């Protein structure tokens, strides 16, 4: 019974995790025209970006790239960059 309970619990956990990932690609807004299905959710907090920026300040990450100004200009012109 323990093995069966562990198996079912693990399978349900994995399916829930994958469901959340799938739903976040279906719902949300798209501020930039890209070739993928990415969406913005949850106030667009990008923890990875902040960590990379911090690591670049202390010299661990080198040559950190930022999106070209053209990308922001296109998003702003289409009205998708409100508040920035």
Foldseek 3Di string as FASTA:
>chain_A
DVVVVVVVVVVVVVVVVVVVVVVQLVDADDLFDDPDSHHADDVNDDVVVVVLVVCVVVPNDPDDDDDDVVRVVVSVVVVSPPPD
